[in-house]
Protein backbone atom coordinates (compact mmCIF):
# COMPACT_ATOMS: atom_id res chain seq x y z
CA MET A 1 0.00 0.00 0.00
CA ALA A 2 1.23 3.50 -0.85
CA LYS A 3 2.49 5.76 1.91
CA ARG A 4 -0.58 7.69 2.97
CA PRO A 5 -0.70 11.43 3.67
CA GLU A 6 -1.71 11.67 7.33
CA TRP A 7 -4.36 14.27 6.61
CA LEU A 8 -6.39 11.65 4.73
CA ASP A 9 -6.91 9.67 7.94
CA ASN A 10 -9.63 12.02 9.19
CA ALA A 11 -10.53 13.79 5.93
CA VAL A 12 -14.12 14.76 5.18
CA PHE A 13 -14.42 16.01 1.59
CA TYR A 14 -16.74 18.57 0.06
CA GLU A 15 -17.31 18.14 -3.67
CA ILE A 16 -17.69 21.36 -5.65
CA TYR A 17 -19.08 21.65 -9.16
CA PRO A 18 -17.36 24.95 -10.02
CA GLN A 19 -19.96 26.13 -12.52
CA SER A 20 -22.67 26.19 -9.87
CA PHE A 21 -21.05 27.07 -6.55
CA LYS A 22 -20.51 30.84 -6.34
CA ASP A 23 -20.31 33.53 -9.04
CA THR A 24 -18.35 36.64 -8.03
CA ASP A 25 -18.25 38.49 -11.37
CA GLY A 26 -21.93 38.42 -12.35
CA ASP A 27 -21.66 36.35 -15.53
CA GLY A 28 -23.98 33.62 -14.24
CA ILE A 29 -21.24 30.99 -13.92
CA GLY A 30 -19.41 30.06 -10.74
CA ASN A 31 -15.68 30.70 -10.51
CA ILE A 32 -12.54 29.99 -8.51
CA LYS A 33 -12.72 33.24 -6.55
CA GLY A 34 -16.21 32.26 -5.44
CA ILE A 35 -14.89 28.97 -4.05
CA THR A 36 -12.12 30.80 -2.20
CA GLU A 37 -14.70 33.21 -0.77
CA LYS A 38 -16.74 30.31 0.63
CA LEU A 39 -13.93 28.24 2.17
CA ASP A 40 -14.92 29.48 5.63
CA TYR A 41 -18.42 28.07 5.08
CA ILE A 42 -17.02 24.65 4.15
CA ARG A 43 -14.62 24.67 7.10
CA GLU A 44 -17.38 25.72 9.52
CA LEU A 45 -19.42 22.71 8.40
CA GLY A 46 -16.47 20.58 9.46
CA CYS A 47 -15.12 19.48 6.08
CA THR A 48 -11.34 19.36 5.91
CA ALA A 49 -10.82 18.98 2.17
CA VAL A 50 -12.32 20.03 -1.16
CA TRP A 51 -12.61 18.08 -4.41
CA LEU A 52 -13.06 20.31 -7.45
CA ASN A 53 -14.73 18.87 -10.52
CA PRO A 54 -12.70 19.68 -13.68
CA CYS A 55 -11.67 23.31 -13.89
CA PHE A 56 -9.27 23.12 -16.86
CA ASP A 57 -9.80 24.83 -20.22
CA SER A 58 -12.47 23.04 -22.20
CA PRO A 59 -15.16 23.55 -24.84
CA PHE A 60 -17.51 22.19 -22.14
CA GLY A 61 -19.28 19.57 -24.19
CA ASP A 62 -19.20 17.41 -21.05
CA ALA A 63 -19.00 19.99 -18.26
CA GLY A 64 -15.17 20.07 -18.35
CA TYR A 65 -14.58 16.32 -18.57
CA ASP A 66 -13.54 17.09 -22.16
CA VAL A 67 -10.22 18.82 -21.51
CA ALA A 68 -8.62 21.08 -24.14
CA ASP A 69 -5.63 22.22 -22.04
CA TYR A 70 -4.56 20.42 -18.86
CA TYR A 71 -2.22 23.26 -17.89
CA LYS A 72 -4.71 26.13 -17.94
CA VAL A 73 -7.70 27.03 -15.79
CA ALA A 74 -10.78 27.62 -17.94
CA PRO A 75 -11.03 31.41 -18.43
CA ARG A 76 -14.64 31.42 -17.31
CA TYR A 77 -13.42 30.26 -13.88
CA GLY A 78 -10.46 32.64 -13.68
CA THR A 79 -6.73 32.11 -13.97
CA ASN A 80 -4.02 29.75 -12.79
CA ASP A 81 -3.14 32.42 -10.23
CA ASP A 82 -6.71 32.27 -8.89
CA LEU A 83 -6.37 28.52 -8.42
CA LYS A 84 -3.03 28.94 -6.66
CA GLU A 85 -4.66 31.49 -4.35
CA LEU A 86 -7.37 28.90 -3.57
CA PHE A 87 -4.68 26.36 -2.64
CA ASP A 88 -2.90 28.90 -0.44
CA CYS A 89 -6.06 30.07 1.33
CA ALA A 90 -7.19 26.49 1.96
CA HIS A 91 -3.81 25.63 3.48
CA LYS A 92 -3.99 28.63 5.79
CA LEU A 93 -7.31 27.23 7.07
CA GLY A 94 -5.78 23.79 7.55
CA MET A 95 -7.69 22.42 4.55
CA HIS A 96 -6.62 20.57 1.41
CA VAL A 97 -7.69 20.72 -2.23
CA ILE A 98 -7.64 17.92 -4.77
CA LEU A 99 -8.30 18.40 -8.47
CA ASP A 100 -10.23 16.17 -10.85
CA LEU A 101 -7.76 14.53 -13.24
CA VAL A 102 -9.22 13.13 -16.46
CA PRO A 103 -6.43 10.96 -17.91
CA GLY A 104 -8.49 8.69 -20.15
CA HIS A 105 -9.53 11.09 -22.89
CA THR A 106 -9.45 14.71 -24.03
CA SER A 107 -11.72 16.95 -26.03
CA TRP A 108 -11.47 16.62 -29.78
CA ASP A 109 -10.50 20.32 -29.61
CA HIS A 110 -7.28 19.47 -27.79
CA PRO A 111 -4.15 20.44 -29.82
CA TRP A 112 -2.82 16.89 -29.31
CA PHE A 113 -5.82 15.45 -31.12
CA LYS A 114 -5.66 17.98 -33.94
CA GLU A 115 -2.08 16.89 -34.56
CA SER A 116 -3.00 13.22 -34.21
CA MET A 117 -5.59 13.57 -36.99
CA LYS A 118 -2.97 14.54 -39.56
CA ALA A 119 -2.02 11.98 -42.22
CA GLN A 120 1.69 12.71 -41.79
CA ARG A 121 3.35 11.03 -38.80
CA ASN A 122 4.23 13.41 -35.97
CA GLU A 123 4.79 13.53 -32.22
CA TYR A 124 1.09 13.00 -31.52
CA THR A 125 0.20 10.36 -34.12
CA ASP A 126 0.10 7.66 -31.43
CA ARG A 127 -1.20 9.80 -28.57
CA TYR A 128 -4.72 8.41 -29.21
CA VAL A 129 -6.04 4.95 -30.11
CA TRP A 130 -6.55 4.66 -33.90
CA THR A 131 -7.34 1.64 -36.04
CA ASP A 132 -5.40 1.12 -39.28
CA SER A 133 -8.41 1.61 -41.51
CA ILE A 134 -11.39 3.95 -41.62
CA TRP A 135 -13.53 0.91 -42.35
CA GLU A 136 -12.68 -0.84 -39.09
CA GLU A 137 -14.96 -0.19 -36.14
CA PRO A 138 -13.66 -2.40 -33.31
CA ALA A 139 -16.31 -4.28 -31.37
CA GLY A 140 -16.99 -2.92 -27.92
CA TYR A 141 -15.76 0.60 -28.63
CA GLY A 142 -17.39 3.76 -29.89
CA THR A 143 -15.39 5.49 -32.60
CA LEU A 144 -14.83 8.73 -34.48
CA ARG A 145 -14.65 8.17 -38.24
CA GLY A 146 -14.18 10.24 -41.37
CA ILE A 147 -13.16 13.43 -39.59
CA SER A 148 -9.70 13.93 -41.10
CA ASP A 149 -7.29 12.87 -43.82
CA ARG A 150 -5.81 10.25 -41.53
CA ASP A 151 -6.93 6.73 -42.42
CA GLY A 152 -8.41 5.05 -39.38
CA SER A 153 -11.14 5.19 -36.77
CA CYS A 154 -10.38 6.71 -33.36
CA ILE A 155 -11.75 5.06 -30.23
CA VAL A 156 -13.78 7.28 -27.89
CA ASN A 157 -14.33 6.76 -24.17
CA PHE A 158 -17.70 8.38 -23.58
CA PHE A 159 -19.24 11.08 -25.77
CA THR A 160 -18.29 11.25 -29.45
CA HIS A 161 -16.14 14.32 -28.80
CA GLN A 162 -13.93 12.53 -26.21
CA PRO A 163 -11.21 10.57 -28.06
CA ALA A 164 -9.39 7.99 -25.93
CA LEU A 165 -5.77 8.62 -25.02
CA ASN A 166 -3.41 5.76 -25.82
CA TYR A 167 -1.90 3.83 -22.89
CA GLY A 168 -1.56 0.66 -24.93
CA PHE A 169 -3.22 -2.75 -24.84
CA TYR A 170 -2.44 -5.33 -22.19
CA LYS A 171 -2.93 -8.06 -24.79
CA PRO A 172 -2.56 -6.58 -28.29
CA GLU A 173 -4.49 -8.66 -30.81
CA LYS A 174 -4.36 -6.50 -33.96
CA THR A 175 -1.65 -4.49 -35.69
CA TRP A 176 -3.07 -1.15 -34.56
CA GLN A 177 -3.23 -2.24 -30.90
CA GLN A 178 0.06 -1.05 -29.45
CA SER A 179 1.72 -2.64 -26.43
CA MET A 180 1.89 -0.73 -23.17
CA ASP A 181 5.62 -0.06 -23.58
CA ALA A 182 5.38 1.23 -27.16
CA PRO A 183 6.62 4.81 -27.66
CA GLY A 184 3.13 6.32 -28.06
CA PRO A 185 1.63 4.89 -24.87
CA MET A 186 4.79 5.69 -22.91
CA ALA A 187 4.71 9.31 -24.13
CA THR A 188 1.08 9.59 -22.97
CA ARG A 189 2.01 8.22 -19.55
CA GLU A 190 4.91 10.65 -19.15
CA GLU A 191 2.70 13.58 -20.13
CA ILE A 192 0.21 12.66 -17.40
CA LYS A 193 3.10 12.75 -14.93
CA ASN A 194 4.04 16.20 -16.24
CA ILE A 195 0.47 17.43 -15.71
CA MET A 196 0.44 16.12 -12.15
CA ARG A 197 3.87 17.61 -11.51
CA PHE A 198 2.68 21.03 -12.75
CA TRP A 199 -0.31 21.30 -10.39
CA LEU A 200 1.31 19.63 -7.40
CA SER A 201 4.19 22.09 -7.66
CA MET A 202 1.63 24.91 -7.54
CA GLY A 203 0.15 23.65 -4.26
CA CYS A 204 -2.52 21.13 -5.27
CA ASP A 205 -2.76 18.36 -2.64
CA GLY A 206 -3.58 15.50 -4.98
CA PHE A 207 -6.12 14.18 -7.45
CA ARG A 208 -9.38 12.35 -7.77
CA VAL A 209 -8.81 10.35 -10.94
CA ASP A 210 -11.68 9.94 -13.38
CA MET A 211 -12.21 6.41 -14.79
CA ALA A 212 -8.89 5.32 -13.28
CA GLY A 213 -9.43 1.65 -14.04
CA SER A 214 -10.09 2.09 -17.77
CA LEU A 215 -6.79 3.38 -19.18
CA VAL A 216 -5.14 0.26 -20.58
CA LYS A 217 -7.33 -1.48 -23.16
CA ASN A 218 -8.01 -5.23 -23.48
CA ASP A 219 -7.13 -5.54 -19.80
CA PRO A 220 -10.06 -7.48 -18.27
CA GLU A 221 -8.30 -8.26 -14.98
CA GLY A 222 -6.80 -4.78 -14.66
CA LYS A 223 -3.23 -6.04 -14.49
CA GLY A 224 -1.90 -3.61 -17.08
CA THR A 225 -3.69 -0.63 -15.56
CA ILE A 226 -2.45 -1.58 -12.08
CA SER A 227 1.15 -1.67 -13.33
CA LEU A 228 0.69 1.70 -15.06
CA TRP A 229 -0.50 3.30 -11.82
CA GLN A 230 2.31 1.62 -9.89
CA ASP A 231 4.73 3.41 -12.19
CA ILE A 232 2.98 6.72 -11.54
CA ARG A 233 3.00 5.92 -7.81
CA LYS A 234 6.78 5.48 -8.00
CA PHE A 235 7.11 8.93 -9.57
CA LEU A 236 4.89 10.45 -6.87
CA ASP A 237 6.78 8.75 -4.05
CA GLU A 238 10.02 10.22 -5.37
CA GLU A 239 8.79 13.77 -6.01
CA PHE A 240 5.46 14.32 -4.19
CA PRO A 241 5.09 11.71 -1.43
CA GLU A 242 2.35 13.75 0.30
CA ALA A 243 0.10 13.84 -2.80
CA ALA A 244 -3.26 12.19 -2.15
CA MET A 245 -4.63 9.90 -4.84
CA VAL A 246 -8.28 8.81 -4.89
CA SER A 247 -9.55 6.65 -7.73
CA GLU A 248 -12.85 6.31 -9.51
CA TRP A 249 -12.40 2.58 -10.02
CA GLY A 250 -14.94 0.74 -7.88
CA GLU A 251 -12.56 -2.15 -7.18
CA PRO A 252 -10.46 -1.21 -4.14
CA ASP A 253 -8.29 -4.33 -4.26
CA LYS A 254 -7.07 -3.21 -7.69
CA SER A 255 -6.84 0.53 -7.06
CA LEU A 256 -4.98 0.13 -3.76
CA ALA A 257 -2.59 -2.33 -5.45
CA GLY A 258 -2.01 0.36 -8.07
CA GLY A 259 -0.91 2.84 -5.43
CA PHE A 260 -4.09 4.80 -4.79
CA HIS A 261 -4.86 5.69 -1.19
CA MET A 262 -8.63 5.31 -1.49
CA ASP A 263 -11.22 4.17 -4.03
CA PHE A 264 -14.66 5.59 -4.83
CA LEU A 265 -17.65 3.33 -4.40
CA LEU A 266 -19.37 3.65 -7.79
CA HIS A 267 -23.07 4.32 -8.22
CA PHE A 268 -23.19 1.91 -11.17
CA GLY A 269 -22.02 -1.66 -11.57
CA PRO A 270 -22.27 -4.30 -8.82
CA SER A 271 -21.86 -2.10 -5.71
CA HIS A 272 -25.60 -1.86 -4.84
CA TYR A 273 -24.84 1.67 -3.59
CA ASN A 274 -28.15 2.94 -4.92
CA ASP A 275 -30.09 0.27 -3.02
CA LEU A 276 -29.45 2.64 -0.13
CA PHE A 277 -30.29 5.98 -1.69
CA ARG A 278 -31.77 5.95 -5.21
CA CYS A 279 -34.12 3.19 -6.30
CA GLU A 280 -37.82 2.34 -6.11
CA LYS A 281 -37.47 1.41 -2.43
CA PRO A 282 -34.36 3.08 -0.98
CA PHE A 283 -33.14 1.54 2.28
CA PHE A 284 -32.91 4.90 4.04
CA GLU A 285 -36.50 5.73 3.21
CA GLY A 286 -37.40 2.84 5.48
CA ASN A 287 -38.77 0.09 3.25
CA GLY A 288 -35.74 -1.13 1.33
CA ASP A 289 -33.01 -3.75 1.48
CA ALA A 290 -29.34 -3.02 2.22
CA SER A 291 -28.17 -6.62 2.46
CA GLU A 292 -26.75 -6.88 -1.07
CA PHE A 293 -24.85 -3.66 -0.52
CA VAL A 294 -23.40 -5.07 2.71
CA ARG A 295 -22.51 -8.35 1.02
CA LYS A 296 -20.62 -6.58 -1.79
CA TYR A 297 -19.01 -4.13 0.62
CA ILE A 298 -17.68 -6.97 2.77
CA GLU A 299 -16.38 -8.74 -0.35
CA SER A 300 -14.48 -5.61 -1.41
CA TYR A 301 -13.33 -5.03 2.17
CA GLU A 302 -11.85 -8.51 2.43
CA LYS A 303 -10.24 -8.30 -1.03
CA SER A 304 -8.49 -5.08 -0.01
CA GLU A 305 -7.08 -6.77 3.11
CA ARG A 306 -9.70 -5.23 5.41
CA ARG A 307 -8.33 -1.75 4.86
CA GLY A 308 -11.78 -0.34 4.22
CA LEU A 309 -10.54 2.62 2.21
CA ILE A 310 -13.73 2.85 0.21
CA CYS A 311 -15.13 6.37 -0.19
CA ILE A 312 -18.92 6.70 -0.09
CA PRO A 313 -20.39 9.99 -1.42
CA SER A 314 -23.71 11.58 -0.51
CA GLY A 315 -24.10 12.05 -4.26
CA ASN A 316 -22.27 13.71 -7.10
CA HIS A 317 -22.70 15.53 -10.39
CA ASP A 318 -23.63 12.28 -12.16
CA MET A 319 -26.63 11.14 -10.11
CA ASP A 320 -29.92 12.35 -8.67
CA ARG A 321 -29.84 14.57 -5.62
CA LEU A 322 -30.32 12.66 -2.38
CA ALA A 323 -33.45 14.72 -1.69
CA ARG A 324 -35.18 13.33 -4.79
CA HIS A 325 -35.57 9.94 -3.12
CA ILE A 326 -35.11 10.39 0.65
CA SER A 327 -37.39 12.53 2.82
CA GLU A 328 -35.88 15.20 5.07
CA GLU A 329 -35.73 13.40 8.42
CA LYS A 330 -34.56 10.16 6.81
CA ARG A 331 -31.73 12.11 5.13
CA LYS A 332 -30.31 12.63 8.61
CA LEU A 333 -30.11 8.86 8.97
CA ALA A 334 -28.40 8.62 5.58
CA PHE A 335 -25.75 11.08 6.74
CA ALA A 336 -25.35 9.17 10.01
CA PHE A 337 -24.36 6.22 7.83
CA LEU A 338 -22.14 8.21 5.45
CA LEU A 339 -20.23 9.84 8.29
CA SER A 340 -19.67 6.66 10.30
CA MET A 341 -18.29 4.40 7.56
CA PRO A 342 -14.59 3.72 6.75
CA GLY A 343 -12.82 5.70 4.04
CA ALA A 344 -13.19 9.43 3.48
CA PRO A 345 -16.83 10.56 3.12
CA TYR A 346 -17.71 12.99 0.32
CA ILE A 347 -20.50 15.55 0.63
CA TYR A 348 -21.77 16.88 -2.70
CA TYR A 349 -22.28 20.63 -2.49
CA GLY A 350 -25.79 21.47 -1.29
CA ASP A 351 -26.61 17.96 -0.07
CA GLU A 352 -25.88 19.20 3.45
CA ILE A 353 -28.85 21.58 3.17
CA GLY A 354 -31.09 19.17 1.27
CA MET A 355 -30.95 20.82 -2.14
CA ARG A 356 -33.47 19.26 -4.47
CA TYR A 357 -33.17 17.82 -7.93
CA VAL A 358 -34.59 20.50 -10.23
CA GLU A 359 -37.08 18.81 -12.51
CA GLY A 360 -37.67 19.45 -16.21
CA LEU A 361 -34.46 21.23 -17.13
CA ASN A 362 -33.01 21.20 -20.63
CA SER A 363 -29.62 19.53 -20.85
CA VAL A 364 -26.65 21.83 -20.17
CA GLU A 365 -23.14 20.87 -21.29
CA GLY A 366 -23.85 17.18 -21.70
CA GLY A 367 -25.76 16.91 -18.44
CA TYR A 368 -28.99 15.47 -19.85
CA GLY A 369 -30.79 13.79 -16.93
CA ARG A 370 -27.96 14.84 -14.61
CA THR A 371 -28.60 18.55 -15.15
CA GLY A 372 -31.18 18.77 -12.34
CA SER A 373 -28.45 17.80 -9.84
CA ARG A 374 -26.15 20.61 -10.98
CA SER A 375 -28.23 23.69 -10.18
CA PRO A 376 -26.69 26.68 -8.37
CA MET A 377 -25.86 26.52 -4.67
CA GLN A 378 -28.53 28.15 -2.54
CA TRP A 379 -26.80 30.50 -0.12
CA ASP A 380 -29.56 32.81 1.12
CA ASP A 381 -32.86 34.46 0.24
CA SER A 382 -31.39 37.23 -1.92
CA ILE A 383 -31.44 37.38 -5.74
CA ASN A 384 -30.64 34.01 -7.30
CA ALA A 385 -30.33 32.56 -3.79
CA GLY A 386 -27.06 34.45 -3.40
CA PHE A 387 -25.32 32.50 -6.15
CA SER A 388 -24.97 35.29 -8.70
CA SER A 389 -25.96 38.89 -9.39
CA ALA A 390 -26.60 38.06 -13.06
CA PRO A 391 -30.09 38.23 -14.53
CA SER A 392 -31.82 34.93 -13.83
CA ASP A 393 -31.98 34.06 -17.54
CA LYS A 394 -28.17 34.28 -17.71
CA LEU A 395 -27.52 31.65 -15.05
CA TYR A 396 -25.50 28.63 -16.13
CA ILE A 397 -28.35 26.40 -14.93
CA PRO A 398 -31.66 27.75 -13.57
CA ILE A 399 -31.96 27.93 -9.81
CA ASP A 400 -34.53 25.84 -7.91
CA PRO A 401 -37.69 27.95 -8.39
CA SER A 402 -39.47 26.60 -5.29
CA GLY A 403 -40.52 29.22 -2.77
CA ASP A 404 -39.46 26.96 0.08
CA ARG A 405 -36.06 26.00 -1.35
CA PRO A 406 -33.54 25.38 1.44
CA THR A 407 -30.68 27.82 1.95
CA ALA A 408 -27.39 27.64 3.80
CA LYS A 409 -28.15 30.81 5.77
CA ALA A 410 -31.48 29.57 7.08
CA GLN A 411 -30.15 26.15 7.99
CA MET A 412 -27.11 27.55 9.78
CA GLY A 413 -29.52 29.41 12.03
CA ASP A 414 -31.68 26.36 12.78
CA ALA A 415 -30.37 23.83 15.31
CA GLY A 416 -32.81 21.23 14.01
CA SER A 417 -31.86 21.54 10.35
CA LEU A 418 -30.20 18.93 8.18
CA ARG A 419 -27.04 21.02 7.97
CA SER A 420 -26.84 21.30 11.75
CA GLU A 421 -27.19 17.51 12.02
CA VAL A 422 -24.46 16.98 9.41
CA LYS A 423 -22.17 19.34 11.33
CA LYS A 424 -22.86 17.44 14.58
CA LEU A 425 -22.10 14.13 12.87
CA ILE A 426 -18.80 15.43 11.48
CA GLU A 427 -17.84 16.69 14.94
CA THR A 428 -18.60 13.23 16.37
CA ARG A 429 -16.55 11.53 13.65
CA GLN A 430 -13.59 13.85 14.24
CA ALA A 431 -13.68 13.24 17.98
CA HIS A 432 -13.42 9.46 17.60
CA PRO A 433 -10.64 7.87 15.50
CA ALA A 434 -12.57 4.59 15.32
CA LEU A 435 -15.20 6.38 13.20
CA GLN A 436 -12.62 7.80 10.80
CA SER A 437 -11.09 6.41 7.62
CA LEU A 438 -8.90 3.69 9.10
CA GLY A 439 -11.23 2.20 11.71
CA GLU A 440 -12.18 -1.44 11.09
CA ILE A 441 -15.78 -2.45 10.54
CA GLU A 442 -17.80 -5.53 11.48
CA PHE A 443 -21.48 -5.72 10.56
CA VAL A 444 -23.93 -6.82 13.27
CA CYS A 445 -27.05 -6.44 11.13
CA ASP A 446 -27.13 -6.22 7.34
CA GLY A 447 -30.19 -4.09 6.67
CA ALA A 448 -32.24 -6.89 5.13
CA PRO A 449 -35.93 -5.98 4.65
CA GLY A 450 -37.38 -4.77 7.93
CA LYS A 451 -33.99 -4.64 9.65
CA PRO A 452 -31.59 -1.76 10.38
CA LEU A 453 -27.91 -1.39 9.62
CA ALA A 454 -25.72 -2.07 12.64
CA TYR A 455 -21.95 -2.32 12.77
CA ILE A 456 -18.99 -1.95 15.08
CA ARG A 457 -16.18 0.44 14.20
CA ALA A 458 -12.87 -0.18 15.98
CA LEU A 459 -9.38 1.29 16.12
CA SER A 460 -6.79 0.47 18.78
CA GLU A 461 -8.73 0.26 22.07
CA GLU A 462 -11.75 2.25 20.88
CA LYS A 463 -14.94 0.44 19.82
CA ILE A 464 -18.15 2.11 18.71
CA LEU A 465 -21.47 0.42 17.96
CA VAL A 466 -23.47 2.18 15.22
CA VAL A 467 -27.16 1.41 14.76
CA ILE A 468 -29.11 3.17 12.01
CA ASN A 469 -32.77 2.23 11.93
CA PRO A 470 -34.88 3.78 9.15
CA THR A 471 -37.48 1.00 9.45
CA GLY A 472 -40.91 1.33 10.99
CA LYS A 473 -40.20 -0.75 14.08
CA GLU A 474 -37.74 -0.74 16.97
CA TYR A 475 -34.59 -2.84 16.98
CA THR A 476 -32.78 -4.25 20.02
CA VAL A 477 -29.17 -5.34 20.05
CA ASP A 478 -27.40 -7.03 22.93
CA CYS A 479 -24.34 -5.10 23.97
CA ALA A 480 -22.14 -4.28 26.90
CA ASP A 481 -22.87 -1.05 28.75
CA GLY A 482 -21.38 1.99 27.13
CA ASP A 483 -21.68 5.72 26.55
CA VAL A 484 -23.92 7.12 23.83
CA ILE A 485 -21.83 9.62 21.86
CA TYR A 486 -24.44 10.51 19.24
CA SER A 487 -28.14 9.97 18.78
CA PHE A 488 -30.93 11.07 16.49
CA GLY A 489 -34.51 10.17 17.28
CA SER A 490 -35.01 8.05 20.38
CA TYR A 491 -33.61 4.96 22.06
CA GLU A 492 -33.67 3.03 25.33
CA LEU A 493 -30.59 1.64 27.05
CA LYS A 494 -31.05 -1.06 29.66
CA ALA A 495 -28.55 -3.45 31.17
CA GLY A 496 -27.11 -5.48 28.32
CA ALA A 497 -29.42 -4.17 25.59
CA LEU A 498 -29.80 -1.12 23.36
CA THR A 499 -33.20 -0.52 21.76
CA VAL A 500 -33.19 1.94 18.86
CA ASN A 501 -36.64 3.14 17.92
CA ALA A 502 -38.02 3.51 14.39
CA GLY A 503 -36.43 6.34 12.40
CA SER A 504 -33.53 6.70 14.83
CA ALA A 505 -29.76 6.32 14.98
CA VAL A 506 -27.38 5.75 17.90
CA PHE A 507 -23.58 5.64 18.17
CA MET A 508 -22.47 4.04 21.42
CA GLU A 509 -18.88 3.72 22.67
CA LEU A 510 -18.43 0.22 24.08
């Protein structure tokens, strides 16, 4: 396992979608200066670190995940100096900032791709994955075809305008499939190191890596991609040993082997994450089933040698807002879970105040159904909820039009609000190392239909029983006497037994 920056041990992250967080220049789009201005708000909540969604120069066909220049902040957000100031201000507050690194593909507007399209061989000919013939469309891949004089089809990773960078094939099977150690793939790898070196030297504290497990092609077991990241880990250990690396991989045994410190639990694939939050019967709404999530979590936990470095987000820019599926009081139970699990928790901006999914919006920058989760942060009851002074029709995405939309200002002044509960939970987590990233976990109850989630977190001599009961009936667990360190709802503690009532949560130090 890679040497871990100590600050990750108790990190609580706040994810910021820069376009929608805070606009300081009145153009209707959030910017870096707006994030810097609101660092005190994030710190007061209790979060110790910030993850910025992509802020590099881009044509914004996919909200910045289509990079046109990895070395330049998008002008609509400000300048490189503005980003450096954000790093510096965060550090003065004892906070850290990680950037979103998108190593798998670029925009088709990137200068590398424009050079790669040329028929004449050049430095960038092999920077992307091209077939030998325009007539070949490889099975299993989307492609770009007929866009230049170069003969060949170019593999894309997601949208049509996102050509895949070339890291080679673990098992090349055709003439156009280059090996991992071919000059083109090696040049791509070294350029990613240069990009990381550039921002880390400026004060960035690390990266969340987009689609980290997908770089090497024809690599079903991930062995090639693991070895690639091990090489990058070696570079980081030599030059930036304190750089934090968090992967969007969804397979912690592989990502940790590759040198990442933590791995994101994905909302798609086999994780059953959305059994808890976003399905027809979400567990935290009280009538669902968490047992398959627990089963898969334990499987991943054991595969990663019980290190438990699996990050669970409240949501993100790619999924429905939590509030679309979970009612207000039950959201407090969801956060009790999120903030008592191993790994670093991630709070998506606005989830702490219960921001809603805004229905019926037209797609903005490739958002499509995700656009309703990307609306502007709601700060107060002033114009545009304090997000921007621009005319409302100039906003990047329309603000929640509801008259009762939640705001940060109102919730900060209400001891019973969701935000106040989230702050209390973070304070509890920070006061008890067993509840933080490295504490072990053993499940007592798996959240099968009609049952709560219950687990014991432990580190050194500290043990904490967590019971989260969104069901409609009470739950009793046998336990030694202990001290209740957090509760929501109601409970009864008698000799040798803890009864947690319906819609309640209890953390008890054993």
